[in-house]
Every structure is written in C-alpha cells, then in structure tokens.
Amino acid sequence: MIRSAVKITIVLIAIGLATPVIAQSGSDFILTLTSTFDASANQLWVNVAIDNAGGDMQGFNIDVCHDSNLLTPDAILCGPPLQALNGGMGPGLVLPYIDAYGGIVYGVVFSNFGGSETIPIGFYPQMFQIRYDLTGTAAIDSELCFCDISPCSNGSCSVAATEIVVGGQSYSPVLNCFPIFDGDYLRGDSNGDGNINIADPIFSLAYLFNQGTIPQCMEAADANGDLGIDLADALFLLNYINGMGPTPPAPFPDCGSNPGTPLLGCASFTACP
C-alpha cells in the first residue's frame, strides 16, 4: 500500500500559549463516537466526542479507522467547540487528511499565532463530525475505531498518532472501537417510541413528503421489509393497524435484528432494551 505523503505536526511552543495545566495521563481523555444515518444523502454522520478531565486542551490529533470496503469519508467538519474558538473564527490551524486505505486524520491547533485559545475541562459531544458515504450494504453493521494510522512502509510519509495536547504536552488516550449500530429494533416503529400505532405511518409520510424528521432507524421504518422506504411502507402499516393487512415481517412483534440482509441503516433505536 502506498499512501499520499503527509506529515501532521502540532506545534504549540511557538504560538505563545498561557501557563500550562498539566494533565495526569492519557486516561484523562475519553474519546467516543456516535452515528446518525442520513438516508436522503446515503451518508453516515459520525460525531467525535471528547470527555476532557485533564486540563485546558490546546489542540489534538485524532485518527479514526474504518473498513474502506464499506465506507468512504466525504468530509470532516468542525463541531461547535471548535467553531467558537478565536472569537467565532474557528481554530488557528486545521489539518484534515483522508487516507485512501481506511482512515481519517484530523489535526487541530486551537490558537492563531501568538494566541492562547484553549478548550476547558468538560464533555464535548460533537468536537468534530465525519461524514461517510456508504459503499457496502453491511456498512451500518461494521465499526469505527480510534487508531494510530501507521506511517508508509517505504518511509515516504508519516502521520501523527492520536494525541491530545495540554500544557504543551501530548497525551495518548485509550483507542477503542465503536459499533455503528449494535442493537435490536422493532419493524414498523418509524418514530422509535416503542409502539406500533397511527403515529408511525404519519411519521413516515411526513419524512417522505413534508421534509419531516429522518427516522433514526431506517430498518424500523421499512414496514413491509422490501429494503426500501417509500409510500408502500406507510400504506402497509395503515392496513395492518386497521386489521386489513398482514403483520410486518421480523423483527416483529418483539424487538430483534435481521442478520444476513442488506441494511438500510439504524443509527440508534433506544426503544428496544
């Protein structure tokens, strides 16, 4: 494998940061991922969260790895904490990098030259967002991992490891994997409230024809199980609710999964235990 030459380095000494508050260890920084499926764009939107208990962050370099047979990164976007830096102008330096063989790297220095911007201790559920195009039917059934993208084997390029910077020192957090969706759902429950009733076809129709809310679990909204979300699903569900049609296919009437079939996407379904 040959990756494009890239070297990401976070330089903090030269930009005049304030007196450092030193973190204890990399375990003071917990990285997590949450995902939402945008069916209209056939994209997975992944929020990268940082739970910071280590001190005033000055920057970071975060790598996220994926299965390149199933997902293709399309964009990396600053979240609200980064957008608010430097009086709303955003970070002083942003270095996004998309690796063709299965990963993204996002290097960020918070301050402009001579500045002292930091992000304090706290939990930040959307530090930045990665948007992926789905290129495989099993994409929603895969996982994303925080990682250290290794340098090219021929030595022609180098990518920094996943690190958080506090007080001019870098700390390596624990690198965990997160399933895109690893849970059960109830077919026909479009609005995800745990019940099958008239509200579900109305929710689906609003999504289809009135710019309504995107179902968090497209699998659940596929009431007739034909691997598509359309008017037929709302009509199927209306017929069932009124006693004039068949019951929805599994998983129904109890929560469950439907392994081995192409997945429309199910970013979350909290109604099932």
C-alpha atoms as a PDB file:
ATOM      1  CA  MET A   1       0.000   0.000   0.000  1.00  0.00           C
ATOM      2  CA  ILE A   2       1.226   3.467  -0.844  1.00  0.00           C
ATOM      3  CA  ARG A   3      -0.358   6.428   0.840  1.00  0.00           C
ATOM      4  CA  SER A   4      -0.059  10.032  -0.264  1.00  0.00           C
ATOM      5  CA  ALA A   5       2.767  11.831   1.500  1.00  0.00           C
ATOM      6  CA  VAL A   6       1.553  13.701   4.528  1.00  0.00           C
ATOM      7  CA  LYS A   7       3.036  14.785   7.833  1.00  0.00           C
ATOM      8  CA  ILE A   8       0.842  16.308  10.507  1.00  0.00           C
ATOM      9  CA  THR A   9       2.633  18.052  13.369  1.00  0.00           C
ATOM     10  CA  ILE A  10       1.007  20.071  16.135  1.00  0.00           C
ATOM     11  CA  VAL A  11       3.362  22.886  17.104  1.00  0.00           C
ATOM     12  CA  LEU A  12       2.371  24.741  20.244  1.00  0.00           C
ATOM     13  CA  ILE A  13       5.588  26.178  21.642  1.00  0.00           C
ATOM     14  CA  ALA A  14       5.877  28.957  19.088  1.00  0.00           C
ATOM     15  CA  ILE A  15       2.379  30.358  19.428  1.00  0.00           C
ATOM     16  CA  GLY A  16       2.705  31.835  22.916  1.00  0.00           C
ATOM     17  CA  LEU A  17       0.281  29.771  24.967  1.00  0.00           C
ATOM     18  CA  ALA A  18      -0.518  30.599  28.592  1.00  0.00           C
ATOM     19  CA  THR A  19       0.865  28.842  31.662  1.00  0.00           C
ATOM     20  CA  PRO A  20       0.099  25.143  31.204  1.00  0.00           C
ATOM     21  CA  VAL A  21      -2.153  22.984  33.314  1.00  0.00           C
ATOM     22  CA  ILE A  22      -0.634  19.527  33.082  1.00  0.00           C
ATOM     23  CA  ALA A  23      -2.883  16.510  32.620  1.00  0.00           C
ATOM     24  CA  GLN A  24      -2.254  13.393  34.666  1.00  0.00           C
ATOM     25  CA  SER A  25      -2.376  10.796  31.898  1.00  0.00           C
ATOM     26  CA  GLY A  26      -3.964   9.832  28.628  1.00  0.00           C
ATOM     27  CA  SER A  27      -6.807   8.229  30.589  1.00  0.00           C
ATOM     28  CA  ASP A  28      -7.990  11.741  31.473  1.00  0.00           C
ATOM     29  CA  PHE A  29      -9.265  11.994  27.900  1.00  0.00           C
ATOM     30  CA  ILE A  30     -12.041   9.661  26.758  1.00  0.00           C
ATOM     31  CA  LEU A  31     -12.901   9.539  23.056  1.00  0.00           C
ATOM     32  CA  THR A  32     -16.276   8.225  21.884  1.00  0.00           C
ATOM     33  CA  LEU A  33     -18.204   8.017  18.623  1.00  0.00           C
ATOM     34  CA  THR A  34     -21.931   8.324  17.918  1.00  0.00           C
ATOM     35  CA  SER A  35     -23.516   7.989  14.489  1.00  0.00           C
ATOM     36  CA  THR A  36     -26.645   9.091  12.646  1.00  0.00           C
ATOM     37  CA  PHE A  37     -27.761   7.794   9.261  1.00  0.00           C
ATOM     38  CA  ASP A  38     -28.900  10.397   6.696  1.00  0.00           C
ATOM     39  CA  ALA A  39     -30.968   8.346   4.265  1.00  0.00           C
ATOM     40  CA  SER A  40     -31.516  11.215   1.822  1.00  0.00           C
ATOM     41  CA  ALA A  41     -27.762  11.530   1.251  1.00  0.00           C
ATOM     42  CA  ASN A  42     -26.982   7.839   1.922  1.00  0.00           C
ATOM     43  CA  GLN A  43     -24.408   9.050   4.419  1.00  0.00           C
ATOM     44  CA  LEU A  44     -23.319   8.172   7.910  1.00  0.00           C
ATOM     45  CA  TRP A  45     -22.701  11.244  10.084  1.00  0.00           C
ATOM     46  CA  VAL A  46     -20.335  10.416  12.930  1.00  0.00           C
ATOM     47  CA  ASN A  47     -19.805  12.764  15.870  1.00  0.00           C
ATOM     48  CA  VAL A  48     -16.444  12.527  17.630  1.00  0.00           C
ATOM     49  CA  ALA A  49     -16.806  13.338  21.333  1.00  0.00           C
ATOM     50  CA  ILE A  50     -14.104  14.186  23.866  1.00  0.00           C
ATOM     51  CA  ASP A  51     -14.638  13.840  27.608  1.00  0.00           C
ATOM     52  CA  ASN A  52     -11.813  16.003  28.946  1.00  0.00           C
ATOM     53  CA  ALA A  53     -10.826  15.652  32.600  1.00  0.00           C
ATOM     54  CA  GLY A  54      -7.171  16.519  32.071  1.00  0.00           C
ATOM     55  CA  GLY A  55      -6.940  20.289  31.681  1.00  0.00           C
ATOM     56  CA  ASP A  56      -7.243  23.085  29.144  1.00  0.00           C
ATOM     57  CA  MET A  57      -6.780  21.484  25.735  1.00  0.00           C
ATOM     58  CA  GLN A  58      -4.646  23.360  23.215  1.00  0.00           C
ATOM     59  CA  GLY A  59      -5.053  21.027  20.273  1.00  0.00           C
ATOM     60  CA  PHE A  60      -5.316  17.423  19.214  1.00  0.00           C
ATOM     61  CA  ASN A  61      -4.581  14.933  16.508  1.00  0.00           C
ATOM     62  CA  ILE A  62      -7.226  12.213  16.167  1.00  0.00           C
ATOM     63  CA  ASP A  63      -7.218   9.240  13.796  1.00  0.00           C
ATOM     64  CA  VAL A  64     -10.371   7.222  13.061  1.00  0.00           C
ATOM     65  CA  CYS A  65     -10.122   3.976  11.086  1.00  0.00           C
ATOM     66  CA  HIS A  66     -12.881   2.288   9.086  1.00  0.00           C
ATOM     67  CA  ASP A  67     -13.451  -0.539   6.613  1.00  0.00           C
ATOM     68  CA  SER A  68     -12.691   1.014   3.227  1.00  0.00           C
ATOM     69  CA  ASN A  69     -14.809  -1.649   1.501  1.00  0.00           C
ATOM     70  CA  LEU A  70     -17.906  -0.331   3.262  1.00  0.00           C
ATOM     71  CA  LEU A  71     -17.335   3.373   3.975  1.00  0.00           C
ATOM     72  CA  THR A  72     -15.729   6.264   2.099  1.00  0.00           C
ATOM     73  CA  PRO A  73     -15.015   9.504   4.030  1.00  0.00           C
ATOM     74  CA  ASP A  74     -16.584  12.507   2.323  1.00  0.00           C
ATOM     75  CA  ALA A  75     -15.976  15.422   4.712  1.00  0.00           C
ATOM     76  CA  ILE A  76     -14.637  16.358   8.158  1.00  0.00           C
ATOM     77  CA  LEU A  77     -16.394  19.301   9.826  1.00  0.00           C
ATOM     78  CA  CYS A  78     -15.595  21.368  12.932  1.00  0.00           C
ATOM     79  CA  GLY A  79     -18.091  20.984  15.760  1.00  0.00           C
ATOM     80  CA  PRO A  80     -19.449  23.831  17.941  1.00  0.00           C
ATOM     81  CA  PRO A  81     -16.493  23.951  20.402  1.00  0.00           C
ATOM     82  CA  LEU A  82     -14.018  24.381  17.549  1.00  0.00           C
ATOM     83  CA  GLN A  83     -16.213  26.845  15.672  1.00  0.00           C
ATOM     84  CA  ALA A  84     -16.351  29.083  18.770  1.00  0.00           C
ATOM     85  CA  LEU A  85     -12.562  29.462  19.051  1.00  0.00           C
ATOM     86  CA  ASN A  86     -10.830  32.779  18.296  1.00  0.00           C
ATOM     87  CA  GLY A  87     -13.982  34.841  18.615  1.00  0.00           C
ATOM     88  CA  GLY A  88     -16.007  32.593  16.349  1.00  0.00           C
ATOM     89  CA  MET A  89     -13.361  32.434  13.639  1.00  0.00           C
ATOM     90  CA  GLY A  90     -12.559  28.810  14.408  1.00  0.00           C
ATOM     91  CA  PRO A  91      -9.231  27.081  15.101  1.00  0.00           C
ATOM     92  CA  GLY A  92      -5.921  28.654  14.211  1.00  0.00           C
ATOM     93  CA  LEU A  93      -4.864  25.627  12.176  1.00  0.00           C
ATOM     94  CA  VAL A  94      -6.823  22.651  10.841  1.00  0.00           C
ATOM     95  CA  LEU A  95      -5.137  19.776   9.028  1.00  0.00           C
ATOM     96  CA  PRO A  96      -7.656  17.220   7.744  1.00  0.00           C
ATOM     97  CA  TYR A  97      -6.386  14.147   5.943  1.00  0.00           C
ATOM     98  CA  ILE A  98      -8.344  11.297   4.377  1.00  0.00           C
ATOM     99  CA  ASP A  99      -6.365   8.103   3.970  1.00  0.00           C
ATOM    100  CA  ALA A 100      -7.431   6.089   0.929  1.00  0.00           C
ATOM    101  CA  TYR A 101      -6.878   2.792   2.715  1.00  0.00           C
ATOM    102  CA  GLY A 102      -9.192   3.142   5.654  1.00  0.00           C
ATOM    103  CA  GLY A 103      -8.793   6.149   7.924  1.00  0.00           C
ATOM    104  CA  ILE A 104      -9.052   9.871   8.550  1.00  0.00           C
ATOM    105  CA  VAL A 105      -6.688  12.134  10.474  1.00  0.00           C
ATOM    106  CA  TYR A 106      -7.821  15.434  11.973  1.00  0.00           C
ATOM    107  CA  GLY A 107      -5.084  17.653  13.376  1.00  0.00           C
ATOM    108  CA  VAL A 108      -6.166  20.900  15.049  1.00  0.00           C
ATOM    109  CA  VAL A 109      -4.259  23.737  16.761  1.00  0.00           C
ATOM    110  CA  PHE A 110      -6.726  25.930  18.631  1.00  0.00           C
ATOM    111  CA  SER A 111      -4.838  29.271  18.658  1.00  0.00           C
ATOM    112  CA  ASN A 112      -3.726  31.610  15.959  1.00  0.00           C
ATOM    113  CA  PHE A 113      -0.057  32.604  16.100  1.00  0.00           C
ATOM    114  CA  GLY A 114       0.554  34.402  19.410  1.00  0.00           C
ATOM    115  CA  GLY A 115      -2.823  33.425  20.840  1.00  0.00           C
ATOM    116  CA  SER A 116      -3.808  31.408  23.885  1.00  0.00           C
ATOM    117  CA  GLU A 117      -7.033  29.649  22.917  1.00  0.00           C
ATOM    118  CA  THR A 118      -7.952  26.544  24.895  1.00  0.00           C
ATOM    119  CA  ILE A 119     -10.988  24.337  25.454  1.00  0.00           C
ATOM    120  CA  PRO A 120     -11.520  23.692  29.191  1.00  0.00           C
ATOM    121  CA  ILE A 121     -12.343  20.566  31.145  1.00  0.00           C
ATOM    122  CA  GLY A 122     -15.748  19.187  30.185  1.00  0.00           C
ATOM    123  CA  PHE A 123     -17.647  16.816  27.930  1.00  0.00           C
ATOM    124  CA  TYR A 124     -17.959  17.819  24.271  1.00  0.00           C
ATOM    125  CA  PRO A 125     -20.362  15.518  22.382  1.00  0.00           C
ATOM    126  CA  GLN A 126     -19.526  16.953  18.953  1.00  0.00           C
ATOM    127  CA  MET A 127     -15.932  18.123  18.798  1.00  0.00           C
ATOM    128  CA  PHE A 128     -15.989  17.377  15.091  1.00  0.00           C
ATOM    129  CA  GLN A 129     -18.039  15.373  12.625  1.00  0.00           C
ATOM    130  CA  ILE A 130     -17.007  12.888   9.947  1.00  0.00           C
ATOM    131  CA  ARG A 131     -19.361  12.206   7.051  1.00  0.00           C
ATOM    132  CA  TYR A 132     -19.057   8.890   5.241  1.00  0.00           C
ATOM    133  CA  ASP A 133     -20.612   7.673   2.004  1.00  0.00           C
ATOM    134  CA  LEU A 134     -21.915   4.119   2.304  1.00  0.00           C
ATOM    135  CA  THR A 135     -20.275   1.866  -0.279  1.00  0.00           C
ATOM    136  CA  GLY A 136     -21.359  -1.522   1.073  1.00  0.00           C
ATOM    137  CA  THR A 137     -24.685  -2.990   2.156  1.00  0.00           C
ATOM    138  CA  ALA A 138     -23.246  -4.039   5.518  1.00  0.00           C
ATOM    139  CA  ALA A 139     -21.766  -0.628   6.367  1.00  0.00           C
ATOM    140  CA  ILE A 140     -24.132   0.058   9.258  1.00  0.00           C
ATOM    141  CA  ASP A 141     -23.190  -3.335  10.701  1.00  0.00           C
ATOM    142  CA  SER A 142     -19.467  -2.505  10.857  1.00  0.00           C
ATOM    143  CA  GLU A 143     -17.448  -0.483  13.367  1.00  0.00           C
ATOM    144  CA  LEU A 144     -15.239   2.587  13.595  1.00  0.00           C
ATOM    145  CA  CYS A 145     -12.061   2.658  15.661  1.00  0.00           C
ATOM    146  CA  PHE A 146      -9.854   5.340  17.126  1.00  0.00           C
ATOM    147  CA  CYS A 147      -6.411   4.346  15.940  1.00  0.00           C
ATOM    148  CA  ASP A 148      -2.861   5.357  15.117  1.00  0.00           C
ATOM    149  CA  ILE A 149      -2.538   5.342  11.339  1.00  0.00           C
ATOM    150  CA  SER A 150       0.891   3.870  10.744  1.00  0.00           C
ATOM    151  CA  PRO A 151       3.476   5.562   8.517  1.00  0.00           C
ATOM    152  CA  CYS A 152       4.015   4.281   4.991  1.00  0.00           C
ATOM    153  CA  SER A 153       6.158   1.160   4.883  1.00  0.00           C
ATOM    154  CA  ASN A 154       8.526   2.739   2.375  1.00  0.00           C
ATOM    155  CA  GLY A 155       9.185   5.690   4.682  1.00  0.00           C
ATOM    156  CA  SER A 156       7.826   8.255   2.250  1.00  0.00           C
ATOM    157  CA  CYS A 157       5.210   9.617   4.612  1.00  0.00           C
ATOM    158  CA  SER A 158       4.356   9.944   8.276  1.00  0.00           C
ATOM    159  CA  VAL A 159       1.098  10.580  10.115  1.00  0.00           C
ATOM    160  CA  ALA A 160       0.991  11.617  13.768  1.00  0.00           C
ATOM    161  CA  ALA A 161      -0.619   9.324  16.325  1.00  0.00           C
ATOM    162  CA  THR A 162      -3.869  10.084  18.145  1.00  0.00           C
ATOM    163  CA  GLU A 163      -2.951  12.595  20.871  1.00  0.00           C
ATOM    164  CA  ILE A 164      -4.492  15.352  22.997  1.00  0.00           C
ATOM    165  CA  VAL A 165      -2.320  18.371  23.860  1.00  0.00           C
ATOM    166  CA  VAL A 166      -2.476  20.104  27.263  1.00  0.00           C
ATOM    167  CA  GLY A 167       0.195  22.439  28.613  1.00  0.00           C
ATOM    168  CA  GLY A 168       2.422  21.820  25.621  1.00  0.00           C
ATOM    169  CA  GLN A 169       2.482  18.072  26.369  1.00  0.00           C
ATOM    170  CA  SER A 170       0.817  15.348  24.323  1.00  0.00           C
ATOM    171  CA  TYR A 171      -1.221  12.532  25.879  1.00  0.00           C
ATOM    172  CA  SER A 172      -2.343   9.329  24.178  1.00  0.00           C
ATOM    173  CA  PRO A 173      -5.924   8.345  25.068  1.00  0.00           C
ATOM    174  CA  VAL A 174      -7.160   4.758  25.040  1.00  0.00           C
ATOM    175  CA  LEU A 175      -8.056   3.744  21.470  1.00  0.00           C
ATOM    176  CA  ASN A 176     -11.423   1.969  21.426  1.00  0.00           C
ATOM    177  CA  CYS A 177     -13.742   0.705  18.692  1.00  0.00           C
ATOM    178  CA  PHE A 178     -17.437   1.543  18.467  1.00  0.00           C
ATOM    179  CA  PRO A 179     -20.124  -0.339  16.507  1.00  0.00           C
ATOM    180  CA  ILE A 180     -22.053   1.862  14.110  1.00  0.00           C
ATOM    181  CA  PHE A 181     -25.188   0.082  15.277  1.00  0.00           C
ATOM    182  CA  ASP A 182     -25.231  -2.895  17.600  1.00  0.00           C
ATOM    183  CA  GLY A 183     -28.746  -3.419  18.821  1.00  0.00           C
ATOM    184  CA  ASP A 184     -32.304  -4.510  18.171  1.00  0.00           C
ATOM    185  CA  TYR A 185     -35.212  -2.669  16.602  1.00  0.00           C
ATOM    186  CA  LEU A 186     -38.952  -3.136  16.060  1.00  0.00           C
ATOM    187  CA  ARG A 187     -40.125  -3.173  12.455  1.00  0.00           C
ATOM    188  CA  GLY A 188     -42.844  -0.631  11.736  1.00  0.00           C
ATOM    189  CA  ASP A 189     -41.955   1.625  14.677  1.00  0.00           C
ATOM    190  CA  SER A 190     -40.895   4.546  12.480  1.00  0.00           C
ATOM    191  CA  ASN A 191     -40.848   7.160  15.226  1.00  0.00           C
ATOM    192  CA  GLY A 192     -38.954   4.909  17.655  1.00  0.00           C
ATOM    193  CA  ASP A 193     -41.315   5.298  20.620  1.00  0.00           C
ATOM    194  CA  GLY A 194     -41.660   1.550  21.245  1.00  0.00           C
ATOM    195  CA  ASN A 195     -45.254   1.315  19.977  1.00  0.00           C
ATOM    196  CA  ILE A 196     -46.886   0.488  16.650  1.00  0.00           C
ATOM    197  CA  ASN A 197     -49.805   2.858  16.060  1.00  0.00           C
ATOM    198  CA  ILE A 198     -51.168   5.501  13.698  1.00  0.00           C
ATOM    199  CA  ALA A 199     -48.327   7.867  14.616  1.00  0.00           C
ATOM    200  CA  ASP A 200     -45.832   5.662  12.767  1.00  0.00           C
ATOM    201  CA  PRO A 201     -47.258   5.894   9.216  1.00  0.00           C
ATOM    202  CA  ILE A 202     -47.871   9.611   9.800  1.00  0.00           C
ATOM    203  CA  PHE A 203     -44.213   9.992  10.830  1.00  0.00           C
ATOM    204  CA  SER A 204     -43.091   8.110   7.698  1.00  0.00           C
ATOM    205  CA  LEU A 205     -45.310  10.170   5.393  1.00  0.00           C
ATOM    206  CA  ALA A 206     -44.001  13.407   6.905  1.00  0.00           C
ATOM    207  CA  TYR A 207     -40.440  12.211   6.288  1.00  0.00           C
ATOM    208  CA  LEU A 208     -41.203  11.183   2.699  1.00  0.00           C
ATOM    209  CA  PHE A 209     -43.293  14.133   1.549  1.00  0.00           C
ATOM    210  CA  ASN A 210     -43.061  17.017   4.010  1.00  0.00           C
ATOM    211  CA  GLN A 211     -39.375  17.285   4.962  1.00  0.00           C
ATOM    212  CA  GLY A 212     -40.081  15.584   8.255  1.00  0.00           C
ATOM    213  CA  THR A 213     -37.569  14.131  10.678  1.00  0.00           C
ATOM    214  CA  ILE A 214     -35.324  11.398   9.304  1.00  0.00           C
ATOM    215  CA  PRO A 215     -36.042   8.084  11.074  1.00  0.00           C
ATOM    216  CA  GLN A 216     -33.155   7.195  13.361  1.00  0.00           C
ATOM    217  CA  CYS A 217     -33.645   3.547  12.378  1.00  0.00           C
ATOM    218  CA  MET A 218     -34.442   3.172   8.691  1.00  0.00           C
ATOM    219  CA  GLU A 219     -34.771  -0.595   9.160  1.00  0.00           C
ATOM    220  CA  ALA A 220     -37.695   0.011  11.517  1.00  0.00           C
ATOM    221  CA  ALA A 221     -39.331   2.401   9.040  1.00  0.00           C
ATOM    222  CA  ASP A 222     -39.180  -0.310   6.348  1.00  0.00           C
ATOM    223  CA  ALA A 223     -42.528  -1.698   7.497  1.00  0.00           C
ATOM    224  CA  ASN A 224     -43.026  -4.164   4.636  1.00  0.00           C
ATOM    225  CA  GLY A 225     -39.413  -5.384   4.677  1.00  0.00           C
ATOM    226  CA  ASP A 226     -38.692  -4.755   0.994  1.00  0.00           C
ATOM    227  CA  LEU A 227     -35.401  -2.923   1.728  1.00  0.00           C
ATOM    228  CA  GLY A 228     -36.771   0.474   0.732  1.00  0.00           C
ATOM    229  CA  ILE A 229     -38.514   3.417   2.404  1.00  0.00           C
ATOM    230  CA  ASP A 230     -41.476   4.651   0.350  1.00  0.00           C
ATOM    231  CA  LEU A 231     -45.244   5.178   0.294  1.00  0.00           C
ATOM    232  CA  ALA A 232     -45.800   1.420   0.287  1.00  0.00           C
ATOM    233  CA  ASP A 233     -44.474   1.193   3.851  1.00  0.00           C
ATOM    234  CA  ALA A 234     -46.972   3.712   5.206  1.00  0.00           C
ATOM    235  CA  LEU A 235     -49.856   2.012   3.368  1.00  0.00           C
ATOM    236  CA  PHE A 236     -48.719  -1.424   4.574  1.00  0.00           C
ATOM    237  CA  LEU A 237     -48.656  -0.205   8.159  1.00  0.00           C
ATOM    238  CA  LEU A 238     -52.053   1.509   7.877  1.00  0.00           C
ATOM    239  CA  ASN A 239     -53.599  -1.711   6.566  1.00  0.00           C
ATOM    240  CA  TYR A 240     -52.076  -3.702   9.413  1.00  0.00           C
ATOM    241  CA  ILE A 241     -53.170  -1.237  12.108  1.00  0.00           C
ATOM    242  CA  ASN A 242     -56.745  -1.274  10.754  1.00  0.00           C
ATOM    243  CA  GLY A 243     -56.892  -5.070  10.571  1.00  0.00           C
ATOM    244  CA  MET A 244     -56.902  -5.218   6.777  1.00  0.00           C
ATOM    245  CA  GLY A 245     -53.379  -6.432   6.083  1.00  0.00           C
ATOM    246  CA  PRO A 246     -50.641  -8.842   7.158  1.00  0.00           C
ATOM    247  CA  THR A 247     -48.324  -8.300  10.099  1.00  0.00           C
ATOM    248  CA  PRO A 248     -44.905  -6.750   9.438  1.00  0.00           C
ATOM    249  CA  PRO A 249     -42.056  -9.227   8.906  1.00  0.00           C
ATOM    250  CA  ALA A 250     -39.476  -9.908  11.617  1.00  0.00           C
ATOM    251  CA  PRO A 251     -38.337  -8.379  13.840  1.00  0.00           C
ATOM    252  CA  PHE A 252     -41.972  -8.095  14.910  1.00  0.00           C
ATOM    253  CA  PRO A 253     -43.904  -8.077  17.241  1.00  0.00           C
ATOM    254  CA  ASP A 254     -40.863  -8.144  19.537  1.00  0.00           C
ATOM    255  CA  CYS A 255     -37.558  -6.323  19.271  1.00  0.00           C
ATOM    256  CA  GLY A 256     -34.861  -8.167  17.382  1.00  0.00           C
ATOM    257  CA  SER A 257     -32.434  -7.982  14.493  1.00  0.00           C
ATOM    258  CA  ASN A 258     -32.466  -9.290  10.957  1.00  0.00           C
ATOM    259  CA  PRO A 259     -28.916 -10.535  10.273  1.00  0.00           C
ATOM    260  CA  GLY A 260     -27.741 -11.519   6.835  1.00  0.00           C
ATOM    261  CA  THR A 261     -29.817  -8.989   4.890  1.00  0.00           C
ATOM    262  CA  PRO A 262     -28.753  -5.680   3.321  1.00  0.00           C
ATOM    263  CA  LEU A 263     -29.096  -2.896   5.867  1.00  0.00           C
ATOM    264  CA  LEU A 264     -30.831   0.412   5.234  1.00  0.00           C
ATOM    265  CA  GLY A 265     -29.287   1.859   8.352  1.00  0.00           C
ATOM    266  CA  CYS A 266     -30.075   2.014  12.032  1.00  0.00           C
ATOM    267  CA  ALA A 267     -28.051   4.649  13.835  1.00  0.00           C
ATOM    268  CA  SER A 268     -29.992   4.158  17.064  1.00  0.00           C
ATOM    269  CA  PHE A 269     -33.164   2.591  18.441  1.00  0.00           C
ATOM    270  CA  THR A 270     -33.483   3.359  22.127  1.00  0.00           C
ATOM    271  CA  ALA A 271     -36.986   1.871  22.469  1.00  0.00           C
ATOM    272  CA  CYS A 272     -35.527  -1.647  22.455  1.00  0.00           C
ATOM    273  CA  PRO A 273     -33.586  -2.742  25.557  1.00  0.00           C
END
